[in-house]
Amino acid sequence: MIEAADRSGITAEQAATAAVANVHTVREGFYTQATNTVSLVEGLLTKTHPLAVKLRSLRADLIGNQNSGGTPAPAPAAKLT
C-alpha cells in the first residue's frame, strides 16, 4: 500500500512538473506575440504614441510583477551618449 502511494505521489509530481513547464511555454508564446505586436505598432506609429504605451502596459501585465517586495521595479537608468 505504501509503495502504491509512493508511485502515485511520483506520478502526481511528474504531472505537476509537466503542467508547470507547459504553462511556461504558453506564457513565453504569448509574450513573444505581444512583443511582436508592440514592435509593429511602435514601427508604424511611434514609441510615445498612446496605443504603443498602452500595449507595452498590457504586455507587462502578462508577466506580472516580478519583484517579490510587491512594488514595481525602478525604471532603468538612462544611457549616456
N, C-alpha and C. Protein backbone atom coordinates (compact mmCIF):
# COMPACT_ATOMS: atom_id res chain seq x y z
N MET A 1 0.82 -1.18 0.00
CA MET A 1 0.00 0.00 0.00
C MET A 1 0.88 1.26 0.00
N ILE A 2 1.94 1.24 0.76
CA ILE A 2 2.85 2.38 0.80
C ILE A 2 3.54 2.55 -0.54
N GLU A 3 3.90 1.43 -1.17
CA GLU A 3 4.54 1.50 -2.49
C GLU A 3 3.62 2.12 -3.52
N ALA A 4 2.34 1.78 -3.46
CA ALA A 4 1.36 2.35 -4.39
C ALA A 4 1.22 3.85 -4.15
N ALA A 5 1.24 4.25 -2.91
CA ALA A 5 1.14 5.68 -2.59
C ALA A 5 2.38 6.42 -3.08
N ASP A 6 3.56 5.79 -2.94
CA ASP A 6 4.79 6.40 -3.44
C ASP A 6 4.74 6.57 -4.96
N ARG A 7 4.27 5.52 -5.65
CA ARG A 7 4.16 5.60 -7.11
C ARG A 7 3.16 6.67 -7.51
N SER A 8 2.06 6.75 -6.79
CA SER A 8 1.04 7.75 -7.08
C SER A 8 1.59 9.15 -6.84
N GLY A 9 2.37 9.30 -5.78
CA GLY A 9 2.99 10.61 -5.49
C GLY A 9 3.98 11.01 -6.56
N ILE A 10 4.76 10.05 -7.04
CA ILE A 10 5.74 10.32 -8.09
C ILE A 10 5.01 10.70 -9.38
N THR A 11 3.93 9.97 -9.70
CA THR A 11 3.16 10.28 -10.90
C THR A 11 2.55 11.67 -10.79
N ALA A 12 2.03 12.02 -9.64
CA ALA A 12 1.44 13.35 -9.45
C ALA A 12 2.51 14.43 -9.57
N GLU A 13 3.68 14.16 -9.03
CA GLU A 13 4.78 15.13 -9.12
C GLU A 13 5.22 15.33 -10.57
N GLN A 14 5.29 14.25 -11.33
CA GLN A 14 5.65 14.35 -12.74
C GLN A 14 4.60 15.12 -13.53
N ALA A 15 3.33 14.88 -13.22
CA ALA A 15 2.24 15.59 -13.90
C ALA A 15 2.29 17.08 -13.57
N ALA A 16 2.57 17.40 -12.31
CA ALA A 16 2.67 18.80 -11.92
C ALA A 16 3.84 19.49 -12.60
N THR A 17 4.96 18.80 -12.70
CA THR A 17 6.13 19.35 -13.38
C THR A 17 5.84 19.61 -14.85
N ALA A 18 5.16 18.67 -15.49
CA ALA A 18 4.80 18.84 -16.90
C ALA A 18 3.82 20.00 -17.07
N ALA A 19 2.89 20.14 -16.16
CA ALA A 19 1.92 21.24 -16.24
C ALA A 19 2.60 22.59 -16.09
N VAL A 20 3.53 22.69 -15.16
CA VAL A 20 4.27 23.95 -14.97
C VAL A 20 5.09 24.28 -16.21
N ALA A 21 5.74 23.28 -16.78
CA ALA A 21 6.53 23.51 -17.99
C ALA A 21 5.63 23.97 -19.13
N ASN A 22 4.44 23.39 -19.23
CA ASN A 22 3.50 23.79 -20.27
C ASN A 22 3.04 25.24 -20.07
N VAL A 23 2.78 25.62 -18.84
CA VAL A 23 2.36 27.00 -18.55
C VAL A 23 3.47 27.97 -18.96
N HIS A 24 4.70 27.64 -18.66
CA HIS A 24 5.83 28.50 -19.03
C HIS A 24 5.94 28.63 -20.55
N THR A 25 5.76 27.54 -21.25
CA THR A 25 5.84 27.55 -22.71
C THR A 25 4.74 28.42 -23.29
N VAL A 26 3.53 28.28 -22.78
CA VAL A 26 2.40 29.08 -23.28
C VAL A 26 2.63 30.56 -22.99
N ARG A 27 3.08 30.89 -21.78
CA ARG A 27 3.34 32.29 -21.44
C ARG A 27 4.42 32.90 -22.32
N GLU A 28 5.47 32.13 -22.58
CA GLU A 28 6.54 32.62 -23.46
C GLU A 28 5.99 32.90 -24.85
N GLY A 29 5.11 32.04 -25.33
CA GLY A 29 4.50 32.25 -26.65
C GLY A 29 3.64 33.51 -26.68
N PHE A 30 2.84 33.71 -25.64
CA PHE A 30 2.01 34.91 -25.57
C PHE A 30 2.88 36.16 -25.47
N TYR A 31 3.93 36.08 -24.66
CA TYR A 31 4.80 37.25 -24.50
C TYR A 31 5.51 37.58 -25.82
N THR A 32 5.93 36.56 -26.55
CA THR A 32 6.58 36.78 -27.84
C THR A 32 5.61 37.43 -28.82
N GLN A 33 4.37 36.95 -28.87
CA GLN A 33 3.37 37.56 -29.74
C GLN A 33 3.10 39.00 -29.33
N ALA A 34 3.01 39.25 -28.05
CA ALA A 34 2.77 40.61 -27.56
C ALA A 34 3.93 41.52 -27.92
N THR A 35 5.15 41.04 -27.77
CA THR A 35 6.33 41.83 -28.10
C THR A 35 6.36 42.17 -29.58
N ASN A 36 6.03 41.19 -30.42
CA ASN A 36 5.98 41.44 -31.86
C ASN A 36 4.92 42.47 -32.21
N THR A 37 3.78 42.41 -31.56
CA THR A 37 2.71 43.37 -31.80
C THR A 37 3.13 44.77 -31.37
N VAL A 38 3.73 44.87 -30.21
CA VAL A 38 4.20 46.18 -29.72
C VAL A 38 5.24 46.75 -30.68
N SER A 39 6.16 45.93 -31.13
CA SER A 39 7.19 46.39 -32.06
C SER A 39 6.58 46.88 -33.36
N LEU A 40 5.58 46.17 -33.86
CA LEU A 40 4.91 46.58 -35.09
C LEU A 40 4.23 47.94 -34.92
N VAL A 41 3.49 48.09 -33.82
CA VAL A 41 2.79 49.36 -33.58
C VAL A 41 3.79 50.49 -33.39
N GLU A 42 4.87 50.24 -32.67
CA GLU A 42 5.89 51.27 -32.48
C GLU A 42 6.52 51.65 -33.81
N GLY A 43 6.69 50.68 -34.70
CA GLY A 43 7.26 50.97 -36.01
C GLY A 43 6.31 51.78 -36.88
N LEU A 44 5.02 51.47 -36.79
CA LEU A 44 4.03 52.20 -37.60
C LEU A 44 3.73 53.57 -37.05
N LEU A 45 3.66 53.68 -35.74
CA LEU A 45 3.34 54.96 -35.10
C LEU A 45 4.64 55.50 -34.50
N THR A 46 4.71 55.58 -33.22
CA THR A 46 5.95 55.94 -32.51
C THR A 46 5.92 55.25 -31.15
N LYS A 47 7.06 55.22 -30.49
CA LYS A 47 7.11 54.61 -29.15
C LYS A 47 6.29 55.41 -28.14
N THR A 48 6.11 56.68 -28.40
CA THR A 48 5.39 57.53 -27.45
C THR A 48 3.91 57.65 -27.76
N HIS A 49 3.46 57.03 -28.85
CA HIS A 49 2.03 57.08 -29.19
C HIS A 49 1.24 56.37 -28.09
N PRO A 50 0.07 56.92 -27.73
CA PRO A 50 -0.72 56.31 -26.64
C PRO A 50 -1.03 54.83 -26.84
N LEU A 51 -1.26 54.40 -28.07
CA LEU A 51 -1.54 52.98 -28.31
C LEU A 51 -0.32 52.13 -27.99
N ALA A 52 0.86 52.57 -28.39
CA ALA A 52 2.08 51.82 -28.10
C ALA A 52 2.32 51.76 -26.59
N VAL A 53 2.08 52.85 -25.91
CA VAL A 53 2.26 52.89 -24.45
C VAL A 53 1.29 51.92 -23.78
N LYS A 54 0.04 51.91 -24.23
CA LYS A 54 -0.97 51.01 -23.66
C LYS A 54 -0.61 49.55 -23.92
N LEU A 55 -0.15 49.25 -25.13
CA LEU A 55 0.23 47.88 -25.46
C LEU A 55 1.41 47.41 -24.62
N ARG A 56 2.38 48.29 -24.39
CA ARG A 56 3.51 47.91 -23.52
C ARG A 56 3.02 47.62 -22.11
N SER A 57 2.06 48.40 -21.65
CA SER A 57 1.49 48.18 -20.32
C SER A 57 0.78 46.82 -20.24
N LEU A 58 0.01 46.51 -21.27
CA LEU A 58 -0.69 45.23 -21.30
C LEU A 58 0.30 44.07 -21.37
N ARG A 59 1.37 44.25 -22.15
CA ARG A 59 2.40 43.21 -22.24
C ARG A 59 3.05 42.99 -20.88
N ALA A 60 3.30 44.06 -20.16
CA ALA A 60 3.90 43.94 -18.83
C ALA A 60 2.96 43.18 -17.89
N ASP A 61 1.66 43.37 -18.06
CA ASP A 61 0.70 42.64 -17.22
C ASP A 61 0.75 41.13 -17.47
N LEU A 62 1.20 40.72 -18.67
CA LEU A 62 1.30 39.30 -18.97
C LEU A 62 2.30 38.59 -18.06
N ILE A 63 3.38 39.27 -17.74
CA ILE A 63 4.40 38.63 -16.92
C ILE A 63 4.22 38.95 -15.45
N GLY A 64 3.38 39.93 -15.14
CA GLY A 64 3.11 40.25 -13.74
C GLY A 64 4.27 40.98 -13.10
N ASN A 65 4.09 41.28 -11.85
CA ASN A 65 5.11 41.98 -11.08
C ASN A 65 6.18 40.97 -10.69
N GLN A 66 7.39 41.16 -11.17
CA GLN A 66 8.48 40.22 -10.90
C GLN A 66 9.23 40.54 -9.62
N ASN A 67 8.84 41.60 -8.93
CA ASN A 67 9.52 41.99 -7.70
C ASN A 67 8.76 41.42 -6.51
N SER A 68 9.40 40.58 -5.72
CA SER A 68 8.72 39.93 -4.60
C SER A 68 8.34 40.90 -3.49
N GLY A 69 8.89 42.11 -3.51
CA GLY A 69 8.56 43.10 -2.49
C GLY A 69 7.19 43.73 -2.69
N GLY A 70 6.57 43.45 -3.82
CA GLY A 70 5.23 43.98 -4.07
C GLY A 70 5.22 45.33 -4.74
N THR A 71 6.37 45.92 -4.96
CA THR A 71 6.42 47.22 -5.65
C THR A 71 7.10 47.05 -7.00
N PRO A 72 6.70 47.85 -7.98
CA PRO A 72 7.33 47.70 -9.29
C PRO A 72 8.83 48.00 -9.25
N ALA A 73 9.55 47.39 -10.12
CA ALA A 73 10.99 47.64 -10.20
C ALA A 73 11.23 49.05 -10.71
N PRO A 74 12.33 49.67 -10.31
CA PRO A 74 12.60 51.02 -10.79
C PRO A 74 12.90 51.03 -12.29
N ALA A 75 12.67 52.17 -12.90
CA ALA A 75 12.95 52.31 -14.33
C ALA A 75 14.46 52.18 -14.55
N PRO A 76 14.86 51.61 -15.69
CA PRO A 76 16.29 51.50 -15.95
C PRO A 76 16.92 52.88 -16.12
N ALA A 77 18.18 52.96 -15.79
CA ALA A 77 18.90 54.25 -15.89
C ALA A 77 19.01 54.65 -17.35
N ALA A 78 18.95 55.94 -17.60
CA ALA A 78 19.07 56.45 -18.96
C ALA A 78 20.51 56.27 -19.43
N LYS A 79 20.66 55.94 -20.70
CA LYS A 79 22.00 55.76 -21.26
C LYS A 79 22.60 57.12 -21.60
N LEU A 80 23.85 57.27 -21.28
CA LEU A 80 24.55 58.50 -21.61
C LEU A 80 25.16 58.34 -23.01
N THR A 81 24.97 59.32 -23.84
CA THR A 81 25.56 59.25 -25.18
C THR A 81 26.60 60.30 -25.39
